[in-house]
Amino acid sequence: MKKTLALLLALAMVAALFAPSAFADGKKTFVMGIDPEYPPFSYLGDDGNYTGFDVEVCKAVCDYLGWDFKVFGVNWDEKLVQLDSFECDCVWSGMTILDSMKEAGYVISEPYYDNTQVLVVKKADGFTKSADLKGKIVAVQLGTSGETLLNGDLAELAESFDSVLTCDSFLKCFTELQGGAVDAVFVDMPVAASYVAKHDDLAIIDENLGAEQYGIAFRAGDAELCKAVDEAVQALVENGTYAEIAAKPAYADIVNNLLFLNAETEAAA
């Protein structure tokens, strides 16, 4: 594993030598890597453009810094490979902060969101706790912290299931649930809340099965870029732009867990 990470970092450094300058036209183009199916943080809007809380904040950061803004949809299971290959400048899309990423050399922003993992089930099935899913099939997205938990800290729970089905997007996980191929989806709370709000036949089991925080991931050596983005986000918090974005109805399910807003509220009190 260490040899693989070292090779990836070496390839990234070589790629940087031959990559076209992000300032070729005198203005930086910042490419945001997102999960294209991760509402309410990042998703394709009705107008055919990517939107979501993370996308709106990143766009505001680029406007503040005078950068051009682009969005790149990553394959979530390959997100760090694509980041190291310079397909994007960061991964900013409900990205869980992991010690293993820091140990591998990635630069991580300040945390901005408190998240938990939950199980989504069909109301008609009557499941009310995780123990009810013993002998059942549960879906989880590849490359997510949920998958990591089921293979690690929550391995005992995972072993109680009949099996765990991995899908390459949350949308496919939910499709499998509604189609009857699985009995539950193990997913981030904000995604669960966003999806369940639009599907009356589904429910969230009232158990928080894993606490974590979201941040923005940058390549090794991009500490200055990370610092610039962190400082711009704080400027948006201070000038009220961040709160204006968070106040939109689409983000009602996540606003209480946004760390920067909570910090501002506590400071004012």
Protein backbone atom coordinates (compact mmCIF):
# COMPACT_ATOMS: atom_id res chain seq x y z
CA MET A 1 0.00 0.00 0.00
CA LYS A 2 2.80 2.42 0.93
CA LYS A 3 4.64 1.63 -2.32
CA THR A 4 1.47 2.33 -4.30
CA LEU A 5 0.93 5.68 -2.58
CA ALA A 6 4.57 6.62 -3.12
CA LEU A 7 4.25 5.76 -6.82
CA LEU A 8 1.09 7.84 -7.17
CA LEU A 9 2.75 10.83 -5.54
CA ALA A 10 5.81 10.46 -7.78
CA LEU A 11 3.63 10.29 -10.89
CA ALA A 12 1.73 13.36 -9.73
CA MET A 13 4.99 15.30 -9.40
CA VAL A 14 6.04 14.27 -12.91
CA ALA A 15 2.62 15.20 -14.28
CA ALA A 16 2.96 18.65 -12.70
CA LEU A 17 6.10 19.32 -14.74
CA PHE A 18 4.23 18.75 -18.00
CA ALA A 19 0.75 19.97 -17.03
CA PRO A 20 -0.44 23.12 -18.82
CA SER A 21 -0.28 26.18 -16.58
CA ALA A 22 -3.50 26.98 -14.75
CA PHE A 23 -2.50 30.61 -15.27
CA ALA A 24 -1.94 30.35 -19.05
CA ASP A 25 -4.40 33.17 -19.76
CA GLY A 26 -3.29 35.22 -16.76
CA LYS A 27 -6.17 33.98 -14.59
CA LYS A 28 -6.28 30.84 -12.51
CA THR A 29 -8.88 28.22 -13.35
CA PHE A 30 -9.86 26.27 -10.26
CA VAL A 31 -11.27 22.80 -10.99
CA MET A 32 -13.51 21.44 -8.25
CA GLY A 33 -13.79 17.63 -8.07
CA ILE A 34 -17.24 16.48 -6.95
CA ASP A 35 -19.43 13.43 -6.62
CA PRO A 36 -22.06 14.25 -9.27
CA GLU A 37 -24.79 12.44 -7.33
CA TYR A 38 -24.43 13.70 -3.77
CA PRO A 39 -27.36 15.98 -2.87
CA PRO A 40 -27.58 18.43 -1.23
CA PHE A 41 -23.80 19.03 -1.46
CA SER A 42 -23.25 18.37 -5.18
CA TYR A 43 -25.61 17.23 -7.91
CA LEU A 44 -26.90 18.06 -11.38
CA GLY A 45 -29.58 20.74 -11.23
CA ASP A 46 -32.73 20.99 -13.32
CA ASP A 47 -30.97 23.48 -15.58
CA GLY A 48 -28.30 20.94 -16.50
CA ASN A 49 -25.59 22.61 -14.40
CA TYR A 50 -23.98 21.26 -11.25
CA THR A 51 -25.20 22.81 -8.03
CA GLY A 52 -25.39 22.03 -4.30
CA PHE A 53 -24.06 23.58 -1.13
CA ASP A 54 -20.42 22.68 -1.72
CA VAL A 55 -20.63 23.79 -5.35
CA GLU A 56 -22.17 27.15 -4.44
CA VAL A 57 -19.56 27.81 -1.75
CA CYS A 58 -16.71 26.89 -4.09
CA LYS A 59 -18.13 29.16 -6.81
CA ALA A 60 -18.31 31.99 -4.26
CA VAL A 61 -14.69 31.30 -3.23
CA CYS A 62 -13.58 31.55 -6.86
CA ASP A 63 -15.52 34.77 -7.33
CA TYR A 64 -13.91 36.19 -4.18
CA LEU A 65 -10.40 35.23 -5.33
CA GLY A 66 -10.94 36.22 -8.96
CA TRP A 67 -10.51 32.69 -10.28
CA ASP A 68 -12.37 30.99 -13.11
CA PHE A 69 -14.50 28.13 -11.79
CA LYS A 70 -14.98 24.65 -13.28
CA VAL A 71 -16.58 21.47 -12.00
CA PHE A 72 -15.27 17.97 -12.66
CA GLY A 73 -17.35 14.91 -11.80
CA VAL A 74 -15.10 12.25 -10.28
CA ASN A 75 -15.62 8.51 -9.97
CA TRP A 76 -15.86 8.47 -6.17
CA ASP A 77 -14.00 5.19 -5.79
CA GLU A 78 -11.12 6.66 -7.86
CA LYS A 79 -11.29 10.23 -6.54
CA LEU A 80 -7.75 10.40 -5.14
CA VAL A 81 -6.23 8.84 -8.27
CA GLN A 82 -8.02 11.47 -10.35
CA LEU A 83 -6.86 14.21 -7.97
CA ASP A 84 -3.25 13.00 -8.24
CA SER A 85 -3.62 12.87 -12.03
CA PHE A 86 -4.44 16.61 -12.06
CA GLU A 87 -7.96 16.07 -13.38
CA CYS A 88 -9.11 18.42 -10.62
CA ASP A 89 -7.52 20.74 -8.03
CA CYS A 90 -9.35 19.33 -5.03
CA VAL A 91 -12.07 16.90 -3.98
CA TRP A 92 -14.80 18.96 -2.35
CA SER A 93 -18.04 17.03 -2.05
CA GLY A 94 -18.88 15.67 1.38
CA MET A 95 -15.27 14.45 1.62
CA THR A 96 -14.68 12.69 4.94
CA ILE A 97 -11.45 13.66 6.71
CA LEU A 98 -9.42 10.48 7.28
CA ASP A 99 -6.12 10.12 9.14
CA SER A 100 -4.99 7.71 6.41
CA MET A 101 -5.23 10.51 3.84
CA LYS A 102 -3.12 12.84 5.96
CA GLU A 103 -0.57 10.07 6.49
CA ALA A 104 -0.43 9.57 2.72
CA GLY A 105 0.51 13.24 2.29
CA TYR A 106 -2.77 14.79 1.20
CA VAL A 107 -3.46 18.33 2.40
CA ILE A 108 -6.84 18.70 4.10
CA SER A 109 -8.76 21.89 4.75
CA GLU A 110 -10.40 22.93 7.99
CA PRO A 111 -13.43 20.71 8.72
CA TYR A 112 -16.75 22.34 7.85
CA TYR A 113 -19.45 19.75 8.54
CA ASP A 114 -20.33 17.17 11.23
CA ASN A 115 -21.75 14.02 9.66
CA THR A 116 -23.12 10.67 10.78
CA GLN A 117 -23.97 7.45 8.95
CA VAL A 118 -27.52 6.07 8.96
CA LEU A 119 -29.59 3.28 7.45
CA VAL A 120 -32.46 3.99 5.05
CA VAL A 121 -35.22 1.39 4.73
CA LYS A 122 -38.69 0.97 3.26
CA LYS A 123 -41.41 2.02 5.70
CA ALA A 124 -43.50 -0.99 4.74
CA ASP A 125 -40.80 -3.38 5.95
CA GLY A 126 -41.14 -2.12 9.53
CA PHE A 127 -37.42 -2.01 10.38
CA THR A 128 -36.78 0.36 13.30
CA LYS A 129 -33.22 -0.50 14.39
CA SER A 130 -30.05 -1.82 12.81
CA ALA A 131 -30.47 -5.15 14.61
CA ASP A 132 -33.65 -5.72 12.55
CA LEU A 133 -31.45 -6.05 9.47
CA LYS A 134 -29.81 -9.27 10.63
CA GLY A 135 -29.74 -11.64 7.68
CA LYS A 136 -30.72 -8.84 5.25
CA ILE A 137 -28.90 -7.25 2.31
CA VAL A 138 -27.53 -3.72 2.70
CA ALA A 139 -26.16 -1.44 -0.04
CA VAL A 140 -23.34 1.09 0.33
CA GLN A 141 -21.45 3.30 -2.12
CA LEU A 142 -17.93 2.31 -3.15
CA GLY A 143 -15.11 4.46 -1.81
CA THR A 144 -17.17 6.08 0.95
CA SER A 145 -16.56 6.31 4.68
CA GLY A 146 -19.66 4.14 5.05
CA GLU A 147 -17.93 1.33 3.20
CA THR A 148 -14.82 1.87 5.34
CA LEU A 149 -16.88 1.65 8.54
CA LEU A 150 -18.58 -1.57 7.47
CA ASN A 151 -15.15 -3.05 6.78
CA GLY A 152 -13.68 -1.72 10.02
CA ASP A 153 -15.32 -0.30 13.16
CA LEU A 154 -18.76 -1.62 12.19
CA ALA A 155 -17.55 -4.97 10.87
CA GLU A 156 -19.57 -6.81 13.54
CA LEU A 157 -22.75 -5.12 12.30
CA ALA A 158 -21.83 -5.87 8.68
CA GLU A 159 -21.26 -9.53 9.55
CA SER A 160 -24.82 -9.72 10.89
CA PHE A 161 -26.14 -8.83 7.43
CA ASP A 162 -26.65 -11.52 4.81
CA SER A 163 -24.39 -9.48 2.53
CA VAL A 164 -23.25 -5.96 1.65
CA LEU A 165 -23.81 -4.81 -1.93
CA THR A 166 -21.46 -2.06 -3.18
CA CYS A 167 -22.65 0.39 -5.84
CA ASP A 168 -20.76 3.15 -7.62
CA SER A 169 -23.25 5.85 -6.56
CA PHE A 170 -25.79 6.54 -3.81
CA LEU A 171 -28.48 6.85 -6.47
CA LYS A 172 -27.88 3.25 -7.53
CA CYS A 173 -28.01 2.16 -3.88
CA PHE A 174 -31.45 3.75 -3.50
CA THR A 175 -32.60 2.31 -6.82
CA GLU A 176 -31.67 -1.16 -5.57
CA LEU A 177 -33.60 -0.50 -2.35
CA GLN A 178 -36.76 0.63 -4.09
CA GLY A 179 -36.46 -2.21 -6.57
CA GLY A 180 -36.33 -4.77 -3.76
CA ALA A 181 -32.79 -6.01 -4.44
CA VAL A 182 -31.59 -4.80 -1.04
CA ASP A 183 -33.28 -4.18 2.30
CA ALA A 184 -31.42 -1.02 3.38
CA VAL A 185 -28.89 1.58 2.29
CA PHE A 186 -26.01 2.65 4.54
CA VAL A 187 -25.48 6.30 3.74
CA ASP A 188 -24.48 9.77 4.98
CA MET A 189 -27.24 11.45 6.99
CA PRO A 190 -27.65 14.56 4.76
CA VAL A 191 -27.96 12.44 1.62
CA ALA A 192 -30.46 10.19 3.38
CA ALA A 193 -32.55 13.16 4.53
CA SER A 194 -32.50 14.74 1.07
CA TYR A 195 -33.61 11.52 -0.65
CA VAL A 196 -36.19 10.44 1.92
CA ALA A 197 -37.82 13.90 1.79
CA LYS A 198 -38.74 13.15 -1.84
CA HIS A 199 -39.78 9.51 -1.32
CA ASP A 200 -42.61 8.94 1.16
CA ASP A 201 -42.15 5.18 1.06
CA LEU A 202 -38.72 5.38 2.74
CA ALA A 203 -37.58 6.08 6.30
CA ILE A 204 -34.35 6.66 8.21
CA ILE A 205 -33.60 4.36 11.14
CA ASP A 206 -33.01 6.56 14.19
CA GLU A 207 -29.44 5.46 14.93
CA ASN A 208 -26.24 7.39 14.28
CA LEU A 209 -23.73 4.71 13.35
CA GLY A 210 -20.56 6.69 12.73
CA ALA A 211 -19.40 10.24 13.45
CA GLU A 212 -17.09 12.06 11.03
CA GLN A 213 -16.29 15.48 9.60
CA TYR A 214 -16.14 16.78 6.04
CA GLY A 215 -13.21 18.72 4.59
CA ILE A 216 -11.61 19.54 1.24
CA ALA A 217 -8.80 17.30 -0.03
CA PHE A 218 -5.82 18.73 -1.93
CA ARG A 219 -2.73 17.08 -3.38
CA ALA A 220 0.52 16.80 -1.43
CA GLY A 221 2.41 20.05 -1.90
CA ASP A 222 -0.73 22.16 -2.33
CA ALA A 223 -0.71 23.61 1.18
CA GLU A 224 -0.70 27.19 -0.14
CA LEU A 225 -3.69 26.48 -2.37
CA CYS A 226 -5.53 24.95 0.56
CA LYS A 227 -4.67 27.97 2.72
CA ALA A 228 -6.00 30.36 0.06
CA VAL A 229 -9.29 28.46 -0.13
CA ASP A 230 -9.60 28.18 3.67
CA GLU A 231 -9.03 31.93 4.07
CA ALA A 232 -11.53 32.73 1.32
CA VAL A 233 -14.17 30.54 2.97
CA GLN A 234 -13.61 32.37 6.27
CA ALA A 235 -13.98 35.69 4.45
CA LEU A 236 -17.32 34.47 3.08
CA VAL A 237 -18.37 33.49 6.59
CA GLU A 238 -17.46 36.95 7.88
CA ASN A 239 -19.16 38.90 5.09
CA GLY A 240 -22.38 36.87 5.32
CA THR A 241 -22.18 35.14 1.93
CA TYR A 242 -21.74 31.70 3.51
CA ALA A 243 -24.84 32.16 5.66
CA GLU A 244 -26.85 33.39 2.65
CA ILE A 245 -26.04 30.19 0.77
CA ALA A 246 -26.80 28.00 3.78
CA ALA A 247 -30.16 29.71 4.31
CA LYS A 248 -31.57 28.40 1.02
CA PRO A 249 -34.44 25.89 1.45
CA ALA A 250 -32.48 23.19 -0.40
CA TYR A 251 -29.95 23.12 2.45
CA ALA A 252 -32.35 23.09 5.41
CA ASP A 253 -31.34 19.54 6.36
CA ILE A 254 -27.64 20.37 6.72
CA VAL A 255 -27.54 23.89 8.15
CA ASN A 256 -27.45 22.80 11.81
CA ASN A 257 -24.30 20.75 11.24
CA LEU A 258 -22.29 23.40 9.40
CA LEU A 259 -19.37 24.07 11.72
CA PHE A 260 -18.57 27.61 10.56
CA LEU A 261 -22.14 28.78 11.12
CA ASN A 262 -22.28 27.10 14.52
CA ALA A 263 -19.00 28.76 15.50
CA GLU A 264 -20.36 32.16 14.46
CA THR A 265 -23.55 31.60 16.48
CA GLU A 266 -21.61 30.53 19.56
CA ALA A 267 -19.26 33.52 19.26
CA ALA A 268 -22.20 35.93 19.00
CA ALA A 269 -23.80 34.39 22.10
